[in-house]
Amino acid sequence: LNKPEWYLTQVLMWIGNHAKFLDDKIQPILDKAGSSVNAGLEFSRALVMLILEKLAADIPCLLYDDTLFCHLVDEVLLFERELYSVHGYLSSFPSCMHILSEESCFQRWLMVEKKFALQKMDSMLSSEAAWISQYKDITDVDEMKVPDCAETFMTLLLVITDRYKNLPTASRKLQFLGLQKELVDDFRIRLTQVMKEETRASLGFRYCAILNAVNYIATVLADWADNV
């Protein structure tokens, strides 16, 4: 249960190792018979179906172990990425994201995603470098003087988007978007709390950093507004 990468990697190796044989030997036979079947894709589809069976059996056993469950999700997302980008798998075919979209599994995924995001926010705001810009010494890069915590937070949102963007239904994607909106609001509340501590020094370093953070986040969210 703690090594899903073993069978996921094995399947990717089988797909890669058989590609030439399927293209050179099997596909011409199918073409000659007038079949529209793509041998390589059908081989991949059959192996993915085995993985779906394996996941359906394994997930109930690790659903309430945060570490094992998160590791499984991470490995499945890496597997999916390679399956589509390297092996040309079709989005219309069955995929692991259908298993991750099933209600009990999906709600658990959302929950652990939120838990780890909040932990990340705790650590980024308690860091000594939270209000310092990474690029403070490079003038042409640092026009917005973005503090480290704001940049890290937006990267966190971007990573979450990257993880859920291949979910098969819009309703599931919208639930993840709801989580992101919660995180933005949580970050806003945290910034407000820090700002209240700084009101006596409204021209101070940290107060200005908070304003820069808010400006940067608003600008990036406006840029993302075109991303359906």
Protein backbone atom coordinates (compact mmCIF):
# COMPACT_ATOMS: atom_id res chain seq x y z
CA LEU A 1 0.00 0.00 0.00
CA ASN A 2 2.87 2.40 0.64
CA LYS A 3 4.41 1.89 -2.81
CA PRO A 4 1.80 2.58 -5.53
CA GLU A 5 4.65 3.88 -7.69
CA TRP A 6 5.80 0.29 -8.16
CA TYR A 7 2.81 -0.79 -10.26
CA LEU A 8 2.27 2.66 -11.82
CA THR A 9 5.86 2.79 -13.07
CA GLN A 10 5.65 -0.84 -14.20
CA VAL A 11 2.65 -0.05 -16.41
CA LEU A 12 4.40 2.98 -17.93
CA MET A 13 7.41 0.75 -18.70
CA TRP A 14 5.19 -1.87 -20.35
CA ILE A 15 3.52 0.79 -22.50
CA GLY A 16 6.90 2.26 -23.53
CA ASN A 17 8.57 -1.10 -24.14
CA HIS A 18 5.75 -2.44 -26.34
CA ALA A 19 5.16 0.73 -28.38
CA LYS A 20 7.52 -0.13 -31.24
CA PHE A 21 6.28 -3.73 -31.53
CA LEU A 22 2.64 -2.62 -31.55
CA ASP A 23 3.28 0.12 -34.13
CA ASP A 24 5.53 -1.95 -36.43
CA LYS A 25 3.93 -5.41 -36.22
CA ILE A 26 0.34 -5.19 -34.96
CA GLN A 27 -0.88 -1.88 -36.37
CA PRO A 28 -0.24 -2.85 -40.04
CA ILE A 29 -2.38 -6.01 -39.54
CA LEU A 30 -5.24 -3.89 -38.12
CA ASP A 31 -4.85 -1.34 -40.94
CA LYS A 32 -4.88 -4.09 -43.56
CA ALA A 33 -8.09 -5.48 -42.07
CA GLY A 34 -9.67 -2.03 -42.35
CA SER A 35 -9.93 -1.61 -38.59
CA SER A 36 -9.86 1.86 -37.04
CA VAL A 37 -8.36 0.50 -33.80
CA ASN A 38 -5.05 2.00 -32.63
CA ALA A 39 -3.03 -0.91 -31.22
CA GLY A 40 -0.85 1.18 -28.92
CA LEU A 41 -3.77 3.08 -27.41
CA GLU A 42 -5.84 -0.07 -26.89
CA PHE A 43 -2.88 -1.71 -25.15
CA SER A 44 -2.55 1.35 -22.90
CA ARG A 45 -6.28 1.41 -22.20
CA ALA A 46 -6.27 -2.26 -21.12
CA LEU A 47 -3.37 -1.68 -18.73
CA VAL A 48 -5.01 1.43 -17.28
CA MET A 49 -8.14 -0.64 -16.60
CA LEU A 50 -5.96 -2.96 -14.47
CA ILE A 51 -4.72 0.07 -12.54
CA LEU A 52 -8.29 1.26 -11.95
CA GLU A 53 -9.13 -2.14 -10.46
CA LYS A 54 -6.05 -2.00 -8.26
CA LEU A 55 -6.83 1.55 -7.08
CA ALA A 56 -10.46 0.65 -6.35
CA ALA A 57 -9.22 -2.17 -4.12
CA ASP A 58 -6.43 -0.20 -2.42
CA ILE A 59 -8.04 3.19 -1.73
CA PRO A 60 -10.51 1.99 0.95
CA CYS A 61 -7.54 0.49 2.85
CA LEU A 62 -5.60 3.77 3.07
CA LEU A 63 -8.37 6.37 3.01
CA TYR A 64 -7.80 7.43 6.62
CA ASP A 65 -4.01 7.39 6.62
CA ASP A 66 -3.09 10.93 5.52
CA THR A 67 0.50 10.08 4.61
CA LEU A 68 -0.31 7.01 2.52
CA PHE A 69 -3.33 8.64 0.88
CA CYS A 70 -1.40 11.80 -0.09
CA HIS A 71 1.44 9.69 -1.46
CA LEU A 72 -1.02 7.70 -3.58
CA VAL A 73 -2.62 10.89 -4.97
CA ASP A 74 0.80 12.38 -5.78
CA GLU A 75 1.93 9.23 -7.59
CA VAL A 76 -1.35 8.92 -9.52
CA LEU A 77 -1.06 12.55 -10.70
CA LEU A 78 2.53 11.96 -11.88
CA PHE A 79 1.41 8.78 -13.64
CA GLU A 80 -1.46 10.59 -15.41
CA ARG A 81 0.83 13.41 -16.53
CA GLU A 82 3.29 10.99 -18.16
CA LEU A 83 0.52 8.83 -19.63
CA TYR A 84 -0.91 11.82 -21.53
CA SER A 85 2.23 13.82 -22.34
CA VAL A 86 4.60 10.97 -23.26
CA HIS A 87 2.32 8.17 -24.45
CA GLY A 88 -0.49 10.18 -26.07
CA TYR A 89 -3.29 8.63 -24.01
CA LEU A 90 -6.74 10.02 -24.92
CA SER A 91 -8.81 12.09 -22.51
CA SER A 92 -11.92 10.20 -23.66
CA PHE A 93 -10.48 6.94 -22.26
CA PRO A 94 -10.95 5.73 -18.65
CA SER A 95 -8.42 7.33 -16.31
CA CYS A 96 -7.33 7.31 -12.68
CA MET A 97 -8.98 10.71 -12.21
CA HIS A 98 -12.36 8.94 -12.42
CA ILE A 99 -11.40 6.90 -9.34
CA LEU A 100 -10.16 9.99 -7.49
CA SER A 101 -13.47 11.70 -8.38
CA GLU A 102 -15.60 9.12 -6.59
CA GLU A 103 -17.36 10.71 -3.61
CA SER A 104 -15.59 9.21 -0.58
CA CYS A 105 -12.17 9.43 -2.20
CA PHE A 106 -12.74 12.94 -3.55
CA GLN A 107 -13.95 14.38 -0.24
CA ARG A 108 -10.92 12.88 1.47
CA TRP A 109 -8.63 14.40 -1.18
CA LEU A 110 -10.18 17.83 -0.67
CA MET A 111 -9.78 17.50 3.09
CA VAL A 112 -6.11 16.56 3.06
CA GLU A 113 -5.38 19.17 0.38
CA LYS A 114 -6.86 21.83 2.69
CA LYS A 115 -5.04 20.47 5.74
CA PHE A 116 -1.63 20.58 4.07
CA ALA A 117 -2.31 23.98 2.46
CA LEU A 118 -3.11 25.48 5.88
CA GLN A 119 0.05 23.94 7.32
CA LYS A 120 2.03 25.49 4.47
CA MET A 121 0.43 28.87 5.17
CA ASP A 122 1.36 28.60 8.85
CA SER A 123 4.98 27.93 7.99
CA MET A 124 5.25 30.62 5.29
CA LEU A 125 3.89 33.34 7.58
CA SER A 126 6.02 32.32 10.55
CA SER A 127 9.19 32.28 8.45
CA GLU A 128 11.81 34.93 9.18
CA ALA A 129 11.79 35.84 5.48
CA ALA A 130 7.97 36.13 5.28
CA TRP A 131 7.93 39.89 4.60
CA ILE A 132 11.15 40.15 2.62
CA SER A 133 11.23 40.05 -1.18
CA GLN A 134 13.36 37.30 -2.72
CA TYR A 135 14.40 39.77 -5.42
CA LYS A 136 14.98 42.85 -3.26
CA ASP A 137 18.47 43.33 -4.71
CA ILE A 138 17.37 43.08 -8.35
CA THR A 139 15.56 46.32 -9.15
CA ASP A 140 14.26 45.49 -12.62
CA VAL A 141 12.70 42.20 -11.40
CA ASP A 142 11.20 43.57 -8.20
CA GLU A 143 8.96 46.44 -9.27
CA MET A 144 6.11 45.21 -7.04
CA LYS A 145 8.36 44.45 -4.04
CA VAL A 146 6.47 41.23 -3.38
CA PRO A 147 7.10 39.72 0.05
CA ASP A 148 8.07 36.07 0.12
CA CYS A 149 4.86 34.92 1.86
CA ALA A 150 2.63 36.39 -0.90
CA GLU A 151 4.66 34.79 -3.68
CA THR A 152 4.70 31.43 -1.89
CA PHE A 153 0.94 31.64 -1.33
CA MET A 154 0.19 32.28 -5.00
CA THR A 155 2.51 29.42 -5.97
CA LEU A 156 0.53 27.21 -3.56
CA LEU A 157 -2.73 28.14 -5.35
CA LEU A 158 -1.12 27.49 -8.73
CA VAL A 159 0.09 24.05 -7.64
CA ILE A 160 -3.41 23.15 -6.40
CA THR A 161 -4.86 24.20 -9.80
CA ASP A 162 -2.28 22.05 -11.56
CA ARG A 163 -3.28 19.06 -9.42
CA TYR A 164 -7.02 19.26 -10.09
CA LYS A 165 -7.14 20.64 -13.66
CA ASN A 166 -7.49 17.18 -15.25
CA LEU A 167 -10.50 16.12 -13.19
CA PRO A 168 -13.16 14.77 -15.58
CA THR A 169 -16.10 16.94 -14.44
CA ALA A 170 -16.57 20.69 -14.00
CA SER A 171 -18.47 20.16 -10.73
CA ARG A 172 -15.40 18.54 -9.11
CA LYS A 173 -13.14 21.31 -10.40
CA LEU A 174 -15.53 23.87 -8.91
CA GLN A 175 -15.25 22.19 -5.50
CA PHE A 176 -11.48 22.64 -5.68
CA LEU A 177 -12.02 26.25 -6.75
CA GLY A 178 -14.16 26.63 -3.63
CA LEU A 179 -11.22 25.40 -1.55
CA GLN A 180 -8.94 27.94 -3.23
CA LYS A 181 -11.42 30.73 -2.45
CA GLU A 182 -11.44 29.60 1.20
CA LEU A 183 -7.65 29.73 1.26
CA VAL A 184 -7.60 33.24 -0.25
CA ASP A 185 -10.04 34.41 2.42
CA ASP A 186 -8.00 32.71 5.15
CA PHE A 187 -4.86 34.44 3.90
CA ARG A 188 -6.73 37.77 3.83
CA ILE A 189 -7.72 37.30 7.49
CA ARG A 190 -4.13 36.46 8.44
CA LEU A 191 -2.84 39.58 6.67
CA THR A 192 -5.46 41.69 8.47
CA GLN A 193 -4.35 40.29 11.82
CA VAL A 194 -0.71 41.14 11.16
CA MET A 195 -1.70 44.57 9.83
CA LYS A 196 -3.58 45.40 13.05
CA GLU A 197 -0.38 44.81 14.98
CA GLU A 198 1.41 47.27 12.71
CA THR A 199 -1.06 50.19 12.68
CA ARG A 200 1.17 52.30 14.92
CA ALA A 201 3.88 52.17 12.29
CA SER A 202 1.90 52.53 9.09
CA LEU A 203 4.99 53.58 7.16
CA GLY A 204 6.99 50.75 8.69
CA PHE A 205 8.62 47.94 6.75
CA ARG A 206 6.06 45.22 7.55
CA TYR A 207 2.97 47.41 6.98
CA CYS A 208 4.24 48.37 3.52
CA ALA A 209 5.05 44.71 2.82
CA ILE A 210 1.43 43.77 3.62
CA LEU A 211 0.14 46.40 1.17
CA ASN A 212 2.55 45.10 -1.49
CA ALA A 213 1.34 41.55 -0.82
CA VAL A 214 -2.32 42.56 -1.25
CA ASN A 215 -1.55 44.46 -4.46
CA TYR A 216 0.40 41.51 -5.89
CA ILE A 217 -2.31 38.94 -5.04
CA ALA A 218 -5.05 41.16 -6.53
CA THR A 219 -2.99 41.62 -9.70
CA VAL A 220 -2.30 37.91 -10.14
CA LEU A 221 -5.94 36.95 -9.49
CA ALA A 222 -7.00 39.49 -12.13
CA ASP A 223 -4.54 37.86 -14.57
CA TRP A 224 -6.04 34.45 -13.78
CA ALA A 225 -9.58 35.72 -14.45
CA ASP A 226 -9.28 34.64 -18.10
CA ASN A 227 -8.45 31.05 -17.11
CA VAL A 228 -11.74 29.17 -17.35
